[in-house]
């Protein structure tokens, strides 16, 4: 059975909407909304994967992709700021834990210098 094709514009708009909601959940520390957004993001990404661009609106789709990319960047920045805040709180208590991209942990020795940077642009 062939998967149903989704119009590209609708798929990218849905993705942007989910990313905006995810950024808002991060910014407001709404854990319920953050958890709910995981399934919504998976569905939106599945739609994008099955999307078919209508030849009459490639410019509109490209513009919406730009907005989706901006929403993704906002998620990255807010998430990064929260990670920095969490690291600062832990460091203030003498706990220095870092995670790599794979999610593995490595705990630094006490007295090691914590990351000293905190920045956020939303």
PDB file of N, CA and C in Angstrom:
ATOM      1  N   UNK A   1       0.836  -1.180   0.000  1.00  0.00           N
ATOM      2  CA  UNK A   1       0.000   0.000   0.000  1.00  0.00           C
ATOM      3  C   UNK A   1       0.881   1.244   0.000  1.00  0.00           C
ATOM      4  N   UNK A   2       0.624   2.168  -0.892  1.00  0.00           N
ATOM      5  CA  UNK A   2       1.392   3.402  -1.023  1.00  0.00           C
ATOM      6  C   UNK A   2       0.953   4.403   0.034  1.00  0.00           C
ATOM      7  N   UNK A   3       1.912   5.018   0.742  1.00  0.00           N
ATOM      8  CA  UNK A   3       1.533   6.029   1.749  1.00  0.00           C
ATOM      9  C   UNK A   3       0.842   7.219   1.092  1.00  0.00           C
ATOM     10  N   UNK A   4      -0.068   7.816   1.847  1.00  0.00           N
ATOM     11  CA  UNK A   4      -0.783   8.991   1.365  1.00  0.00           C
ATOM     12  C   UNK A   4       0.163  10.178   1.321  1.00  0.00           C
ATOM     13  N   UNK A   5       0.161  10.887   0.214  1.00  0.00           N
ATOM     14  CA  UNK A   5       0.992  12.080   0.070  1.00  0.00           C
ATOM     15  C   UNK A   5       0.301  13.260   0.728  1.00  0.00           C
ATOM     16  N   UNK A   6       1.083  14.051   1.425  1.00  0.00           N
ATOM     17  CA  UNK A   6       0.586  15.235   2.117  1.00  0.00           C
ATOM     18  C   UNK A   6       1.081  16.451   1.340  1.00  0.00           C
ATOM     19  N   UNK A   7       0.233  17.467   1.154  1.00  0.00           N
ATOM     20  CA  UNK A   7       0.730  18.691   0.504  1.00  0.00           C
ATOM     21  C   UNK A   7       1.899  19.267   1.311  1.00  0.00           C
ATOM     22  N   UNK A   8       2.961  19.623   0.632  1.00  0.00           N
ATOM     23  CA  UNK A   8       4.175  20.096   1.303  1.00  0.00           C
ATOM     24  C   UNK A   8       3.921  21.322   2.167  1.00  0.00           C
ATOM     25  N   UNK A   9       3.141  22.262   1.668  1.00  0.00           N
ATOM     26  CA  UNK A   9       2.892  23.475   2.435  1.00  0.00           C
ATOM     27  C   UNK A   9       2.216  23.151   3.763  1.00  0.00           C
ATOM     28  N   UNK A  10       1.218  22.299   3.728  1.00  0.00           N
ATOM     29  CA  UNK A  10       0.515  21.919   4.964  1.00  0.00           C
ATOM     30  C   UNK A  10       1.450  21.183   5.918  1.00  0.00           C
ATOM     31  N   UNK A  11       2.298  20.310   5.375  1.00  0.00           N
ATOM     32  CA  UNK A  11       3.227  19.553   6.217  1.00  0.00           C
ATOM     33  C   UNK A  11       4.234  20.469   6.899  1.00  0.00           C
ATOM     34  N   UNK A  12       4.775  21.419   6.159  1.00  0.00           N
ATOM     35  CA  UNK A  12       5.777  22.324   6.726  1.00  0.00           C
ATOM     36  C   UNK A  12       5.124  23.294   7.710  1.00  0.00           C
ATOM     37  N   UNK A  13       3.904  23.731   7.436  1.00  0.00           N
ATOM     38  CA  UNK A  13       3.184  24.596   8.379  1.00  0.00           C
ATOM     39  C   UNK A  13       2.936  23.861   9.687  1.00  0.00           C
ATOM     40  N   UNK A  14       2.564  22.581   9.593  1.00  0.00           N
ATOM     41  CA  UNK A  14       2.342  21.782  10.803  1.00  0.00           C
ATOM     42  C   UNK A  14       3.650  21.646  11.577  1.00  0.00           C
ATOM     43  N   UNK A  15       4.744  21.376  10.872  1.00  0.00           N
ATOM     44  CA  UNK A  15       6.040  21.254  11.534  1.00  0.00           C
ATOM     45  C   UNK A  15       6.406  22.544  12.254  1.00  0.00           C
ATOM     46  N   UNK A  16       6.239  23.675  11.589  1.00  0.00           N
ATOM     47  CA  UNK A  16       6.553  24.964  12.221  1.00  0.00           C
ATOM     48  C   UNK A  16       5.688  25.186  13.450  1.00  0.00           C
ATOM     49  N   UNK A  17       4.415  24.862  13.343  1.00  0.00           N
ATOM     50  CA  UNK A  17       3.503  25.039  14.465  1.00  0.00           C
ATOM     51  C   UNK A  17       3.936  24.185  15.667  1.00  0.00           C
ATOM     52  N   UNK A  18       4.321  22.949  15.409  1.00  0.00           N
ATOM     53  CA  UNK A  18       4.776  22.069  16.488  1.00  0.00           C
ATOM     54  C   UNK A  18       6.073  22.601  17.095  1.00  0.00           C
ATOM     55  N   UNK A  19       6.994  23.066  16.258  1.00  0.00           N
ATOM     56  CA  UNK A  19       8.246  23.628  16.772  1.00  0.00           C
ATOM     57  C   UNK A  19       7.999  24.889  17.596  1.00  0.00           C
ATOM     58  N   UNK A  20       7.056  25.721  17.162  1.00  0.00           N
ATOM     59  CA  UNK A  20       6.700  26.907  17.958  1.00  0.00           C
ATOM     60  C   UNK A  20       6.153  26.502  19.319  1.00  0.00           C
ATOM     61  N   UNK A  21       5.290  25.486  19.340  1.00  0.00           N
ATOM     62  CA  UNK A  21       4.725  25.004  20.611  1.00  0.00           C
ATOM     63  C   UNK A  21       5.811  24.392  21.491  1.00  0.00           C
ATOM     64  N   UNK A  22       6.748  23.694  20.873  1.00  0.00           N
ATOM     65  CA  UNK A  22       7.855  23.105  21.618  1.00  0.00           C
ATOM     66  C   UNK A  22       8.728  24.189  22.250  1.00  0.00           C
ATOM     67  N   UNK A  23       9.041  25.222  21.485  1.00  0.00           N
ATOM     68  CA  UNK A  23       9.831  26.332  22.021  1.00  0.00           C
ATOM     69  C   UNK A  23       9.101  27.012  23.173  1.00  0.00           C
ATOM     70  N   UNK A  24       7.802  27.181  23.028  1.00  0.00           N
ATOM     71  CA  UNK A  24       7.009  27.792  24.100  1.00  0.00           C
ATOM     72  C   UNK A  24       7.013  26.912  25.347  1.00  0.00           C
ATOM     73  N   UNK A  25       6.901  25.591  25.154  1.00  0.00           N
ATOM     74  CA  UNK A  25       6.937  24.664  26.286  1.00  0.00           C
ATOM     75  C   UNK A  25       8.287  24.738  26.998  1.00  0.00           C
ATOM     76  N   UNK A  26       9.363  24.828  26.222  1.00  0.00           N
ATOM     77  CA  UNK A  26      10.694  24.965  26.821  1.00  0.00           C
ATOM     78  C   UNK A  26      10.816  26.280  27.581  1.00  0.00           C
ATOM     79  N   UNK A  27      10.386  27.365  26.951  1.00  0.00           N
ATOM     80  CA  UNK A  27      10.520  28.694  27.552  1.00  0.00           C
ATOM     81  C   UNK A  27       9.696  28.835  28.825  1.00  0.00           C
ATOM     82  N   UNK A  28       8.560  28.170  28.882  1.00  0.00           N
ATOM     83  CA  UNK A  28       7.688  28.295  30.052  1.00  0.00           C
ATOM     84  C   UNK A  28       7.859  27.144  31.039  1.00  0.00           C
ATOM     85  N   UNK A  29       8.798  26.228  30.734  1.00  0.00           N
ATOM     86  CA  UNK A  29       9.045  25.055  31.582  1.00  0.00           C
ATOM     87  C   UNK A  29       7.773  24.251  31.811  1.00  0.00           C
ATOM     88  N   UNK A  30       6.966  24.123  30.767  1.00  0.00           N
ATOM     89  CA  UNK A  30       5.726  23.351  30.829  1.00  0.00           C
ATOM     90  C   UNK A  30       6.040  21.912  30.437  1.00  0.00           C
ATOM     91  N   UNK A  31       6.296  21.074  31.447  1.00  0.00           N
ATOM     92  CA  UNK A  31       6.736  19.709  31.179  1.00  0.00           C
ATOM     93  C   UNK A  31       5.664  18.865  30.509  1.00  0.00           C
ATOM     94  N   UNK A  32       4.394  19.091  30.854  1.00  0.00           N
ATOM     95  CA  UNK A  32       3.316  18.337  30.204  1.00  0.00           C
ATOM     96  C   UNK A  32       3.254  18.656  28.711  1.00  0.00           C
ATOM     97  N   UNK A  33       3.336  19.941  28.378  1.00  0.00           N
ATOM     98  CA  UNK A  33       3.311  20.351  26.972  1.00  0.00           C
ATOM     99  C   UNK A  33       4.567  19.859  26.251  1.00  0.00           C
ATOM    100  N   UNK A  34       5.688  19.874  26.931  1.00  0.00           N
ATOM    101  CA  UNK A  34       6.931  19.394  26.350  1.00  0.00           C
ATOM    102  C   UNK A  34       6.830  17.912  26.016  1.00  0.00           C
ATOM    103  N   UNK A  35       6.285  17.143  26.924  1.00  0.00           N
ATOM    104  CA  UNK A  35       6.127  15.712  26.700  1.00  0.00           C
ATOM    105  C   UNK A  35       5.117  15.437  25.588  1.00  0.00           C
ATOM    106  N   UNK A  36       4.031  16.179  25.556  1.00  0.00           N
ATOM    107  CA  UNK A  36       3.018  16.000  24.513  1.00  0.00           C
ATOM    108  C   UNK A  36       3.559  16.370  23.135  1.00  0.00           C
ATOM    109  N   UNK A  37       4.484  17.300  23.092  1.00  0.00           N
ATOM    110  CA  UNK A  37       5.003  17.750  21.807  1.00  0.00           C
ATOM    111  C   UNK A  37       5.859  16.692  21.118  1.00  0.00           C
ATOM    112  N   UNK A  38       6.351  15.724  21.874  1.00  0.00           N
ATOM    113  CA  UNK A  38       7.177  14.669  21.273  1.00  0.00           C
ATOM    114  C   UNK A  38       6.399  13.888  20.210  1.00  0.00           C
ATOM    115  N   UNK A  39       5.200  13.457  20.540  1.00  0.00           N
ATOM    116  CA  UNK A  39       4.381  12.713  19.578  1.00  0.00           C
ATOM    117  C   UNK A  39       3.941  13.607  18.420  1.00  0.00           C
ATOM    118  N   UNK A  40       3.632  14.866  18.727  1.00  0.00           N
ATOM    119  CA  UNK A  40       3.231  15.799  17.671  1.00  0.00           C
ATOM    120  C   UNK A  40       4.389  16.050  16.702  1.00  0.00           C
ATOM    121  N   UNK A  41       5.599  16.166  17.243  1.00  0.00           N
ATOM    122  CA  UNK A  41       6.766  16.381  16.399  1.00  0.00           C
ATOM    123  C   UNK A  41       7.021  15.159  15.512  1.00  0.00           C
ATOM    124  N   UNK A  42       6.875  13.974  16.066  1.00  0.00           N
ATOM    125  CA  UNK A  42       7.066  12.754  15.269  1.00  0.00           C
ATOM    126  C   UNK A  42       6.058  12.700  14.124  1.00  0.00           C
ATOM    127  N   UNK A  43       4.809  13.056  14.397  1.00  0.00           N
ATOM    128  CA  UNK A  43       3.793  13.066  13.350  1.00  0.00           C
ATOM    129  C   UNK A  43       4.066  14.111  12.287  1.00  0.00           C
ATOM    130  N   UNK A  44       4.499  15.288  12.718  1.00  0.00           N
ATOM    131  CA  UNK A  44       4.800  16.365  11.769  1.00  0.00           C
ATOM    132  C   UNK A  44       5.978  15.979  10.874  1.00  0.00           C
ATOM    133  N   UNK A  45       6.987  15.367  11.453  1.00  0.00           N
ATOM    134  CA  UNK A  45       8.141  14.942  10.663  1.00  0.00           C
ATOM    135  C   UNK A  45       7.766  13.832   9.679  1.00  0.00           C
ATOM    136  N   UNK A  46       6.878  12.949  10.092  1.00  0.00           N
ATOM    137  CA  UNK A  46       6.399  11.902   9.179  1.00  0.00           C
ATOM    138  C   UNK A  46       5.652  12.522   8.000  1.00  0.00           C
ATOM    139  N   UNK A  47       4.858  13.561   8.288  1.00  0.00           N
ATOM    140  CA  UNK A  47       4.148  14.263   7.203  1.00  0.00           C
ATOM    141  C   UNK A  47       5.129  14.926   6.244  1.00  0.00           C
ATOM    142  N   UNK A  48       6.162  15.552   6.776  1.00  0.00           N
ATOM    143  CA  UNK A  48       7.151  16.210   5.921  1.00  0.00           C
ATOM    144  C   UNK A  48       7.844  15.171   5.037  1.00  0.00           C
ATOM    145  N   UNK A  49       8.117  14.017   5.608  1.00  0.00           N
ATOM    146  CA  UNK A  49       8.775  12.955   4.846  1.00  0.00           C
ATOM    147  C   UNK A  49       7.900  12.485   3.677  1.00  0.00           C
ATOM    148  N   UNK A  50       6.594  12.522   3.844  1.00  0.00           N
ATOM    149  CA  UNK A  50       5.670  12.071   2.803  1.00  0.00           C
ATOM    150  C   UNK A  50       5.163  13.218   1.929  1.00  0.00           C
ATOM    151  N   UNK A  51       5.660  14.403   2.166  1.00  0.00           N
ATOM    152  CA  UNK A  51       5.134  15.601   1.489  1.00  0.00           C
ATOM    153  C   UNK A  51       5.449  15.603   0.000  1.00  0.00           C
ATOM    154  N   UNK A  52       4.529  16.202  -0.725  1.00  0.00           N
ATOM    155  CA  UNK A  52       4.688  16.366  -2.167  1.00  0.00           C
ATOM    156  C   UNK A  52       4.481  17.841  -2.481  1.00  0.00           C
ATOM    157  N   UNK A  53       5.483  18.438  -3.123  1.00  0.00           N
ATOM    158  CA  UNK A  53       5.416  19.859  -3.441  1.00  0.00           C
ATOM    159  C   UNK A  53       4.544  20.077  -4.666  1.00  0.00           C
ATOM    160  N   UNK A  54       3.605  20.989  -4.536  1.00  0.00           N
ATOM    161  CA  UNK A  54       2.768  21.391  -5.661  1.00  0.00           C
ATOM    162  C   UNK A  54       3.591  22.359  -6.509  1.00  0.00           C
ATOM    163  N   UNK A  55       3.654  22.118  -7.788  1.00  0.00           N
ATOM    164  CA  UNK A  55       4.479  22.945  -8.675  1.00  0.00           C
ATOM    165  C   UNK A  55       4.077  24.420  -8.664  1.00  0.00           C
ATOM    166  N   UNK A  56       2.878  24.726  -8.248  1.00  0.00           N
ATOM    167  CA  UNK A  56       2.415  26.113  -8.290  1.00  0.00           C
ATOM    168  C   UNK A  56       2.858  26.931  -7.071  1.00  0.00           C
ATOM    169  N   UNK A  57       3.410  26.280  -6.037  1.00  0.00           N
ATOM    170  CA  UNK A  57       3.739  27.040  -4.829  1.00  0.00           C
ATOM    171  C   UNK A  57       5.117  26.729  -4.230  1.00  0.00           C
ATOM    172  N   UNK A  58       6.156  26.536  -5.032  1.00  0.00           N
ATOM    173  CA  UNK A  58       7.467  26.252  -4.436  1.00  0.00           C
ATOM    174  C   UNK A  58       8.003  27.418  -3.608  1.00  0.00           C
ATOM    175  N   UNK A  59       7.719  28.653  -4.009  1.00  0.00           N
ATOM    176  CA  UNK A  59       8.201  29.818  -3.266  1.00  0.00           C
ATOM    177  C   UNK A  59       7.540  29.890  -1.886  1.00  0.00           C
ATOM    178  N   UNK A  60       6.246  29.615  -1.842  1.00  0.00           N
ATOM    179  CA  UNK A  60       5.512  29.639  -0.576  1.00  0.00           C
ATOM    180  C   UNK A  60       6.046  28.563   0.364  1.00  0.00           C
ATOM    181  N   UNK A  61       6.309  27.374  -0.177  1.00  0.00           N
ATOM    182  CA  UNK A  61       6.857  26.286   0.628  1.00  0.00           C
ATOM    183  C   UNK A  61       8.252  26.674   1.137  1.00  0.00           C
ATOM    184  N   UNK A  62       9.060  27.272   0.286  1.00  0.00           N
ATOM    185  CA  UNK A  62      10.404  27.692   0.693  1.00  0.00           C
ATOM    186  C   UNK A  62      10.344  28.730   1.812  1.00  0.00           C
ATOM    187  N   UNK A  63       9.421  29.664   1.727  1.00  0.00           N
ATOM    188  CA  UNK A  63       9.268  30.678   2.770  1.00  0.00           C
ATOM    189  C   UNK A  63       8.841  30.037   4.089  1.00  0.00           C
ATOM    190  N   UNK A  64       7.931  29.079   4.002  1.00  0.00           N
ATOM    191  CA  UNK A  64       7.471  28.393   5.218  1.00  0.00           C
ATOM    192  C   UNK A  64       8.592  27.545   5.815  1.00  0.00           C
ATOM    193  N   UNK A  65       9.422  26.954   4.961  1.00  0.00           N
ATOM    194  CA  UNK A  65      10.590  26.222   5.446  1.00  0.00           C
ATOM    195  C   UNK A  65      11.539  27.156   6.209  1.00  0.00           C
ATOM    196  N   UNK A  66      11.681  28.373   5.729  1.00  0.00           N
ATOM    197  CA  UNK A  66      12.499  29.357   6.441  1.00  0.00           C
ATOM    198  C   UNK A  66      11.944  29.662   7.819  1.00  0.00           C
ATOM    199  N   UNK A  67      10.624  29.775   7.917  1.00  0.00           N
ATOM    200  CA  UNK A  67       9.993  30.021   9.229  1.00  0.00           C
ATOM    201  C   UNK A  67      10.151  28.799  10.141  1.00  0.00           C
ATOM    202  N   UNK A  68      10.054  27.599   9.566  1.00  0.00           N
ATOM    203  CA  UNK A  68      10.247  26.376  10.360  1.00  0.00           C
ATOM    204  C   UNK A  68      11.681  26.297  10.873  1.00  0.00           C
ATOM    205  N   UNK A  69      12.621  26.669  10.029  1.00  0.00           N
ATOM    206  CA  UNK A  69      14.035  26.668  10.443  1.00  0.00           C
ATOM    207  C   UNK A  69      14.259  27.664  11.581  1.00  0.00           C
ATOM    208  N   UNK A  70      13.624  28.822  11.509  1.00  0.00           N
ATOM    209  CA  UNK A  70      13.740  29.819  12.584  1.00  0.00           C
ATOM    210  C   UNK A  70      13.143  29.278  13.883  1.00  0.00           C
ATOM    211  N   UNK A  71      12.026  28.563  13.776  1.00  0.00           N
ATOM    212  CA  UNK A  71      11.405  27.970  14.966  1.00  0.00           C
ATOM    213  C   UNK A  71      12.318  26.908  15.571  1.00  0.00           C
ATOM    214  N   UNK A  72      12.973  26.118  14.721  1.00  0.00           N
ATOM    215  CA  UNK A  72      13.922  25.111  15.195  1.00  0.00           C
ATOM    216  C   UNK A  72      15.095  25.784  15.905  1.00  0.00           C
ATOM    217  N   UNK A  73      15.583  26.867  15.352  1.00  0.00           N
ATOM    218  CA  UNK A  73      16.694  27.593  15.977  1.00  0.00           C
ATOM    219  C   UNK A  73      16.275  28.143  17.341  1.00  0.00           C
ATOM    220  N   UNK A  74      15.041  28.603  17.446  1.00  0.00           N
ATOM    221  CA  UNK A  74      14.548  29.089  18.746  1.00  0.00           C
ATOM    222  C   UNK A  74      14.529  27.940  19.758  1.00  0.00           C
ATOM    223  N   UNK A  75      14.087  26.765  19.319  1.00  0.00           N
ATOM    224  CA  UNK A  75      14.104  25.597  20.210  1.00  0.00           C
ATOM    225  C   UNK A  75      15.524  25.302  20.684  1.00  0.00           C
ATOM    226  N   UNK A  76      16.465  25.358  19.760  1.00  0.00           N
ATOM    227  CA  UNK A  76      17.865  25.096  20.122  1.00  0.00           C
ATOM    228  C   UNK A  76      18.375  26.109  21.128  1.00  0.00           C
ATOM    229  N   UNK A  77      18.064  27.373  20.905  1.00  0.00           N
ATOM    230  CA  UNK A  77      18.561  28.420  21.806  1.00  0.00           C
ATOM    231  C   UNK A  77      17.927  28.328  23.191  1.00  0.00           C
ATOM    232  N   UNK A  78      16.627  28.128  23.233  1.00  0.00           N
ATOM    233  CA  UNK A  78      15.956  28.030  24.531  1.00  0.00           C
ATOM    234  C   UNK A  78      16.422  26.770  25.255  1.00  0.00           C
ATOM    235  N   UNK A  79      16.503  25.659  24.536  1.00  0.00           N
ATOM    236  CA  UNK A  79      16.991  24.423  25.145  1.00  0.00           C
ATOM    237  C   UNK A  79      18.424  24.565  25.640  1.00  0.00           C
ATOM    238  N   UNK A  80      19.264  25.224  24.857  1.00  0.00           N
ATOM    239  CA  UNK A  80      20.646  25.456  25.278  1.00  0.00           C
ATOM    240  C   UNK A  80      20.730  26.329  26.515  1.00  0.00           C
ATOM    241  N   UNK A  81      19.895  27.346  26.565  1.00  0.00           N
ATOM    242  CA  UNK A  81      19.877  28.222  27.742  1.00  0.00           C
ATOM    243  C   UNK A  81      19.438  27.449  28.978  1.00  0.00           C
ATOM    244  N   UNK A  82      18.421  26.600  28.820  1.00  0.00           N
ATOM    245  CA  UNK A  82      17.974  25.792  29.961  1.00  0.00           C
ATOM    246  C   UNK A  82      19.062  24.830  30.415  1.00  0.00           C
ATOM    247  N   UNK A  83      19.785  24.253  29.465  1.00  0.00           N
ATOM    248  CA  UNK A  83      20.881  23.350  29.818  1.00  0.00           C
ATOM    249  C   UNK A  83      21.964  24.111  30.581  1.00  0.00           C
ATOM    250  N   UNK A  84      22.273  25.326  30.133  1.00  0.00           N
ATOM    251  CA  UNK A  84      23.278  26.139  30.818  1.00  0.00           C
ATOM    252  C   UNK A  84      22.821  26.512  32.232  1.00  0.00           C
ATOM    253  N   UNK A  85      21.549  26.832  32.371  1.00  0.00           N
ATOM    254  CA  UNK A  85      21.016  27.160  33.703  1.00  0.00           C
ATOM    255  C   UNK A  85      21.089  25.943  34.611  1.00  0.00           C
ATOM    256  N   UNK A  86      20.696  24.789  34.078  1.00  0.00           N
ATOM    257  CA  UNK A  86      20.784  23.557  34.865  1.00  0.00           C
ATOM    258  C   UNK A  86      22.207  23.251  35.284  1.00  0.00           C
ATOM    259  N   UNK A  87      23.160  23.422  34.361  1.00  0.00           N
ATOM    260  CA  UNK A  87      24.568  23.186  34.680  1.00  0.00           C
ATOM    261  C   UNK A  87      25.051  24.158  35.745  1.00  0.00           C
ATOM    262  N   UNK A  88      24.609  25.412  35.668  1.00  0.00           N
ATOM    263  CA  UNK A  88      25.015  26.410  36.660  1.00  0.00           C
ATOM    264  C   UNK A  88      24.453  26.070  38.039  1.00  0.00           C
ATOM    265  N   UNK A  89      23.206  25.620  38.077  1.00  0.00           N
ATOM    266  CA  UNK A  89      22.600  25.240  39.361  1.00  0.00           C
ATOM    267  C   UNK A  89      23.346  24.053  39.958  1.00  0.00           C
ATOM    268  N   UNK A  90      23.621  23.048  39.134  1.00  0.00           N
ATOM    269  CA  UNK A  90      24.364  21.889  39.631  1.00  0.00           C
ATOM    270  C   UNK A  90      25.765  22.289  40.088  1.00  0.00           C
ATOM    271  N   UNK A  91      26.432  23.135  39.292  1.00  0.00           N
ATOM    272  CA  UNK A  91      27.779  23.573  39.652  1.00  0.00           C
ATOM    273  C   UNK A  91      27.777  24.334  40.971  1.00  0.00           C
ATOM    274  N   UNK A  92      26.721  25.107  41.199  1.00  0.00           N
ATOM    275  CA  UNK A  92      26.650  25.860  42.458  1.00  0.00           C
ATOM    276  C   UNK A  92      26.532  24.926  43.656  1.00  0.00           C
ATOM    277  N   UNK A  93      26.155  23.688  43.382  1.00  0.00           N
ATOM    278  CA  UNK A  93      26.034  22.686  44.445  1.00  0.00           C
ATOM    279  C   UNK A  93      27.208  21.711  44.428  1.00  0.00           C
ATOM    280  N   UNK A  94      28.217  22.025  43.603  1.00  0.00           N
ATOM    281  CA  UNK A  94      29.399  21.179  43.552  1.00  0.00           C
ATOM    282  C   UNK A  94      29.258  19.946  42.685  1.00  0.00           C
ATOM    283  N   UNK A  95      28.263  19.922  41.840  1.00  0.00           N
ATOM    284  CA  UNK A  95      28.034  18.772  40.957  1.00  0.00           C
ATOM    285  C   UNK A  95      28.296  19.218  39.532  1.00  0.00           C
ATOM    286  N   UNK A  96      29.237  18.560  38.877  1.00  0.00           N
ATOM    287  CA  UNK A  96      29.584  18.907  37.506  1.00  0.00           C
ATOM    288  C   UNK A  96      29.324  17.703  36.615  1.00  0.00           C
ATOM    289  N   UNK A  97      28.221  17.713  35.908  1.00  0.00           N
ATOM    290  CA  UNK A  97      27.867  16.605  35.026  1.00  0.00           C
ATOM    291  C   UNK A  97      27.688  17.133  33.622  1.00  0.00           C
ATOM    292  N   UNK A  98      28.319  16.482  32.670  1.00  0.00           N
ATOM    293  CA  UNK A  98      28.169  16.838  31.264  1.00  0.00           C
ATOM    294  C   UNK A  98      27.582  15.656  30.515  1.00  0.00           C
ATOM    295  N   UNK A  99      26.819  15.961  29.509  1.00  0.00           N
ATOM    296  CA  UNK A  99      26.255  14.952  28.622  1.00  0.00           C
ATOM    297  C   UNK A  99      26.813  15.190  27.235  1.00  0.00           C
ATOM    298  N   UNK A 100      27.152  14.091  26.544  1.00  0.00           N
ATOM    299  CA  UNK A 100      27.576  14.250  25.161  1.00  0.00           C
ATOM    300  C   UNK A 100      26.354  14.125  24.252  1.00  0.00           C
ATOM    301  N   UNK A 101      26.551  14.273  22.953  1.00  0.00           N
ATOM    302  CA  UNK A 101      25.437  14.232  22.001  1.00  0.00           C
ATOM    303  C   UNK A 101      24.672  12.911  22.057  1.00  0.00           C
ATOM    304  N   UNK A 102      25.339  11.829  22.428  1.00  0.00           N
ATOM    305  CA  UNK A 102      24.686  10.520  22.491  1.00  0.00           C
ATOM    306  C   UNK A 102      23.900  10.346  23.782  1.00  0.00           C
ATOM    307  N   UNK A 103      23.988  11.306  24.688  1.00  0.00           N
ATOM    308  CA  UNK A 103      23.256  11.224  25.946  1.00  0.00           C
ATOM    309  C   UNK A 103      24.033  10.533  27.047  1.00  0.00           C
ATOM    310  N   UNK A 104      25.293  10.169  26.775  1.00  0.00           N
ATOM    311  CA  UNK A 104      26.125   9.543  27.794  1.00  0.00           C
ATOM    312  C   UNK A 104      26.590  10.604  28.778  1.00  0.00           C
ATOM    313  N   UNK A 105      26.760  10.199  30.022  1.00  0.00           N
ATOM    314  CA  UNK A 105      27.198  11.155  31.034  1.00  0.00           C
ATOM    315  C   UNK A 105      28.651  10.929  31.382  1.00  0.00           C
ATOM    316  N   UNK A 106      29.278  12.000  31.768  1.00  0.00           N
ATOM    317  CA  UNK A 106      30.621  11.924  32.331  1.00  0.00           C
ATOM    318  C   UNK A 106      30.682  12.981  33.420  1.00  0.00           C
ATOM    319  N   UNK A 107      30.953  12.561  34.618  1.00  0.00           N
ATOM    320  CA  UNK A 107      30.985  13.498  35.739  1.00  0.00           C
ATOM    321  C   UNK A 107      32.412  13.960  35.956  1.00  0.00           C
ATOM    322  N   UNK A 108      32.600  15.257  35.915  1.00  0.00           N
ATOM    323  CA  UNK A 108      33.929  15.844  36.117  1.00  0.00           C
ATOM    324  C   UNK A 108      34.279  15.807  37.600  1.00  0.00           C
ATOM    325  N   UNK A 109      35.556  15.845  37.871  1.00  0.00           N
ATOM    326  CA  UNK A 109      36.023  15.843  39.255  1.00  0.00           C
ATOM    327  C   UNK A 109      35.611  17.133  39.949  1.00  0.00           C
ATOM    328  N   UNK A 110      35.423  17.039  41.243  1.00  0.00           N
ATOM    329  CA  UNK A 110      35.103  18.244  42.014  1.00  0.00           C
ATOM    330  C   UNK A 110      36.221  19.260  41.855  1.00  0.00           C
ATOM    331  N   UNK A 111      35.849  20.499  41.808  1.00  0.00           N
ATOM    332  CA  UNK A 111      36.829  21.548  41.668  1.00  0.00           C
ATOM    333  C   UNK A 111      37.109  21.912  40.217  1.00  0.00           C
ATOM    334  N   UNK A 112      36.584  21.114  39.296  1.00  0.00           N
ATOM    335  CA  UNK A 112      36.767  21.457  37.879  1.00  0.00           C
ATOM    336  C   UNK A 112      35.953  22.704  37.577  1.00  0.00           C
ATOM    337  N   UNK A 113      36.436  23.472  36.660  1.00  0.00           N
ATOM    338  CA  UNK A 113      35.749  24.722  36.325  1.00  0.00           C
ATOM    339  C   UNK A 113      34.463  24.442  35.547  1.00  0.00           C
ATOM    340  N   UNK A 114      33.330  24.948  35.992  1.00  0.00           N
ATOM    341  CA  UNK A 114      32.092  24.789  35.234  1.00  0.00           C
ATOM    342  C   UNK A 114      32.104  25.697  34.009  1.00  0.00           C
ATOM    343  N   UNK A 115      31.215  25.409  33.080  1.00  0.00           N
ATOM    344  CA  UNK A 115      31.087  26.309  31.934  1.00  0.00           C
ATOM    345  C   UNK A 115      30.638  27.659  32.465  1.00  0.00           C
ATOM    346  N   UNK A 116      31.279  28.700  32.007  1.00  0.00           N
ATOM    347  CA  UNK A 116      31.032  30.021  32.570  1.00  0.00           C
ATOM    348  C   UNK A 116      30.203  30.896  31.658  1.00  0.00           C
ATOM    349  N   UNK A 117      29.516  30.300  30.699  1.00  0.00           N
ATOM    350  CA  UNK A 117      28.773  31.111  29.733  1.00  0.00           C
ATOM    351  C   UNK A 117      27.288  30.813  29.859  1.00  0.00           C
ATOM    352  N   UNK A 118      26.514  31.855  29.762  1.00  0.00           N
ATOM    353  CA  UNK A 118      25.071  31.718  29.740  1.00  0.00           C
ATOM    354  C   UNK A 118      24.532  32.795  28.830  1.00  0.00           C
ATOM    355  N   UNK A 119      23.877  32.384  27.761  1.00  0.00           N
ATOM    356  CA  UNK A 119      23.305  33.347  26.849  1.00  0.00           C
ATOM    357  C   UNK A 119      22.000  32.814  26.298  1.00  0.00           C
ATOM    358  N   UNK A 120      21.087  33.706  26.008  1.00  0.00           N
ATOM    359  CA  UNK A 120      19.807  33.295  25.445  1.00  0.00           C
ATOM    360  C   UNK A 120      19.222  34.441  24.662  1.00  0.00           C
ATOM    361  N   UNK A 121      18.870  34.146  23.420  1.00  0.00           N
ATOM    362  CA  UNK A 121      18.126  35.108  22.594  1.00  0.00           C
ATOM    363  C   UNK A 121      16.883  34.399  22.119  1.00  0.00           C
ATOM    364  N   UNK A 122      15.770  34.926  22.467  1.00  0.00           N
ATOM    365  CA  UNK A 122      14.497  34.299  22.083  1.00  0.00           C
ATOM    366  C   UNK A 122      13.717  35.242  21.210  1.00  0.00           C
TER     367      UNK A 122
END
